[in-house]
Amino acid sequence: MGVVFHVLVKKDLRTALRYYDSAGGTRLGDRFFEEVEAALERVSKNPKRYHFVADGLRRASLHSFPYHFVYEENEERIHFLVLRHNKQHPAFGLKRRR
């Protein structure tokens, strides 16, 4: 199964990394990035594991940070639409669908 990222997911990640690097230093930023990679791996291994949040979209939370991915999946690919903070509006990033 292929994995695809919306072009703005990179911006979402950079914004969060900048915050954690400035708030807690590069060690905290590194921990955040490791957590992101772990979440992506968990979703890639079992995309149906996570609950639906809207019209065919699923949400996978990071364990130690208040962020989550919203993605859609089918037999061919997993499409990550947004990496967002838990306090962002629930509709943020949902219009990023193809």
C-alpha atoms as a PDB file:
ATOM      1  CA  MET A   1       0.000   0.000   0.000  1.00  0.00           C
ATOM      2  CA  GLY A   2       1.374   3.399  -0.964  1.00  0.00           C
ATOM      3  CA  VAL A   3       1.577   6.431   1.283  1.00  0.00           C
ATOM      4  CA  VAL A   4       0.850   9.946   0.003  1.00  0.00           C
ATOM      5  CA  PHE A   5       1.087  13.259   1.862  1.00  0.00           C
ATOM      6  CA  HIS A   6      -0.826  16.397   1.024  1.00  0.00           C
ATOM      7  CA  VAL A   7       1.696  19.125   0.196  1.00  0.00           C
ATOM      8  CA  LEU A   8       0.671  21.141   3.282  1.00  0.00           C
ATOM      9  CA  VAL A   9       1.467  18.326   5.737  1.00  0.00           C
ATOM     10  CA  LYS A  10       5.132  19.324   5.416  1.00  0.00           C
ATOM     11  CA  LYS A  11       4.193  22.872   6.459  1.00  0.00           C
ATOM     12  CA  ASP A  12       2.141  21.524   9.376  1.00  0.00           C
ATOM     13  CA  LEU A  13       5.146  19.503  10.538  1.00  0.00           C
ATOM     14  CA  ARG A  14       7.607  22.403  10.176  1.00  0.00           C
ATOM     15  CA  THR A  15       5.338  24.690  12.199  1.00  0.00           C
ATOM     16  CA  ALA A  16       5.073  22.194  15.053  1.00  0.00           C
ATOM     17  CA  LEU A  17       8.805  21.403  14.964  1.00  0.00           C
ATOM     18  CA  ARG A  18       9.690  25.104  15.116  1.00  0.00           C
ATOM     19  CA  TYR A  19       7.484  25.483  18.168  1.00  0.00           C
ATOM     20  CA  TYR A  20       8.988  22.512  20.031  1.00  0.00           C
ATOM     21  CA  ASP A  21      12.549  23.455  19.065  1.00  0.00           C
ATOM     22  CA  SER A  22      12.040  26.980  20.417  1.00  0.00           C
ATOM     23  CA  ALA A  23       9.996  25.980  23.486  1.00  0.00           C
ATOM     24  CA  GLY A  24      12.101  23.074  24.666  1.00  0.00           C
ATOM     25  CA  GLY A  25      15.222  22.900  22.523  1.00  0.00           C
ATOM     26  CA  THR A  26      16.202  20.508  19.790  1.00  0.00           C
ATOM     27  CA  ARG A  27      15.846  17.478  22.071  1.00  0.00           C
ATOM     28  CA  LEU A  28      12.135  18.166  22.430  1.00  0.00           C
ATOM     29  CA  GLY A  29      11.844  18.778  18.693  1.00  0.00           C
ATOM     30  CA  ASP A  30      13.626  15.486  18.048  1.00  0.00           C
ATOM     31  CA  ARG A  31      11.238  13.662  20.409  1.00  0.00           C
ATOM     32  CA  PHE A  32       8.281  15.185  18.593  1.00  0.00           C
ATOM     33  CA  PHE A  33       9.664  14.117  15.208  1.00  0.00           C
ATOM     34  CA  GLU A  34      10.268  10.560  16.477  1.00  0.00           C
ATOM     35  CA  GLU A  35       6.674  10.450  17.701  1.00  0.00           C
ATOM     36  CA  VAL A  36       5.441  11.610  14.281  1.00  0.00           C
ATOM     37  CA  GLU A  37       7.457   8.866  12.580  1.00  0.00           C
ATOM     38  CA  ALA A  38       6.087   6.259  15.010  1.00  0.00           C
ATOM     39  CA  ALA A  39       2.494   7.362  14.335  1.00  0.00           C
ATOM     40  CA  LEU A  40       3.054   7.183  10.586  1.00  0.00           C
ATOM     41  CA  GLU A  41       4.457   3.681  10.942  1.00  0.00           C
ATOM     42  CA  ARG A  42       1.494   2.555  13.093  1.00  0.00           C
ATOM     43  CA  VAL A  43      -0.985   3.880  10.533  1.00  0.00           C
ATOM     44  CA  SER A  44       0.939   2.326   7.640  1.00  0.00           C
ATOM     45  CA  LYS A  45       0.879  -1.085   9.318  1.00  0.00           C
ATOM     46  CA  ASN A  46      -2.820  -1.009  10.193  1.00  0.00           C
ATOM     47  CA  PRO A  47      -4.760   1.955   8.742  1.00  0.00           C
ATOM     48  CA  LYS A  48      -8.164   0.550   9.708  1.00  0.00           C
ATOM     49  CA  ARG A  49      -7.186   0.557  13.396  1.00  0.00           C
ATOM     50  CA  TYR A  50      -8.182   4.197  13.927  1.00  0.00           C
ATOM     51  CA  HIS A  51     -11.663   5.644  14.293  1.00  0.00           C
ATOM     52  CA  PHE A  52     -13.519   7.755  11.757  1.00  0.00           C
ATOM     53  CA  VAL A  53     -13.796  11.488  12.395  1.00  0.00           C
ATOM     54  CA  ALA A  54     -15.596  12.639   9.262  1.00  0.00           C
ATOM     55  CA  ASP A  55     -16.887  11.252   5.973  1.00  0.00           C
ATOM     56  CA  GLY A  56     -14.379   8.432   5.457  1.00  0.00           C
ATOM     57  CA  LEU A  57     -11.502  10.188   7.237  1.00  0.00           C
ATOM     58  CA  ARG A  58      -9.668   8.640  10.165  1.00  0.00           C
ATOM     59  CA  ARG A  59      -7.684  10.192  13.012  1.00  0.00           C
ATOM     60  CA  ALA A  60      -4.439   8.830  14.475  1.00  0.00           C
ATOM     61  CA  SER A  61      -3.141  10.585  17.584  1.00  0.00           C
ATOM     62  CA  LEU A  62       0.446  10.964  18.697  1.00  0.00           C
ATOM     63  CA  HIS A  63       0.990   9.392  22.117  1.00  0.00           C
ATOM     64  CA  SER A  64       3.003  12.056  23.962  1.00  0.00           C
ATOM     65  CA  PHE A  65       2.138  15.249  22.108  1.00  0.00           C
ATOM     66  CA  PRO A  66      -1.240  16.937  21.518  1.00  0.00           C
ATOM     67  CA  TYR A  67      -1.237  16.354  17.736  1.00  0.00           C
ATOM     68  CA  HIS A  68      -2.891  13.938  15.365  1.00  0.00           C
ATOM     69  CA  PHE A  69      -2.988  12.989  11.704  1.00  0.00           C
ATOM     70  CA  VAL A  70      -6.162  12.934   9.663  1.00  0.00           C
ATOM     71  CA  TYR A  71      -6.019  10.571   6.702  1.00  0.00           C
ATOM     72  CA  GLU A  72      -8.069   8.587   4.259  1.00  0.00           C
ATOM     73  CA  GLU A  73      -7.265   5.131   3.014  1.00  0.00           C
ATOM     74  CA  ASN A  74      -8.332   2.657   0.394  1.00  0.00           C
ATOM     75  CA  GLU A  75      -6.886  -0.576  -0.989  1.00  0.00           C
ATOM     76  CA  GLU A  76      -4.170   1.304  -2.922  1.00  0.00           C
ATOM     77  CA  ARG A  77      -2.951   4.087  -0.650  1.00  0.00           C
ATOM     78  CA  ILE A  78      -3.036   6.018   2.589  1.00  0.00           C
ATOM     79  CA  HIS A  79      -3.413   9.760   2.001  1.00  0.00           C
ATOM     80  CA  PHE A  80      -2.380  11.938   4.960  1.00  0.00           C
ATOM     81  CA  LEU A  81      -4.248  15.229   4.774  1.00  0.00           C
ATOM     82  CA  VAL A  82      -3.215  17.147   7.856  1.00  0.00           C
ATOM     83  CA  LEU A  83      -1.113  17.084  10.997  1.00  0.00           C
ATOM     84  CA  ARG A  84      -2.975  19.286  13.446  1.00  0.00           C
ATOM     85  CA  HIS A  85      -2.962  20.252  17.100  1.00  0.00           C
ATOM     86  CA  ASN A  86      -5.756  18.754  19.178  1.00  0.00           C
ATOM     87  CA  LYS A  87      -7.103  22.237  19.935  1.00  0.00           C
ATOM     88  CA  GLN A  88      -7.375  23.276  16.292  1.00  0.00           C
ATOM     89  CA  HIS A  89     -10.855  23.433  14.847  1.00  0.00           C
ATOM     90  CA  PRO A  90     -12.098  19.957  13.848  1.00  0.00           C
ATOM     91  CA  ALA A  91     -12.660  21.166  10.278  1.00  0.00           C
ATOM     92  CA  PHE A  92      -9.070  22.411   9.860  1.00  0.00           C
ATOM     93  CA  GLY A  93      -7.440  20.627   6.928  1.00  0.00           C
ATOM     94  CA  LEU A  94     -10.453  18.610   5.857  1.00  0.00           C
ATOM     95  CA  LYS A  95     -10.778  20.479   2.555  1.00  0.00           C
ATOM     96  CA  ARG A  96      -7.368  19.172   1.527  1.00  0.00           C
ATOM     97  CA  ARG A  97      -8.892  16.132  -0.086  1.00  0.00           C
ATOM     98  CA  ARG A  98      -8.116  15.467  -3.728  1.00  0.00           C
END
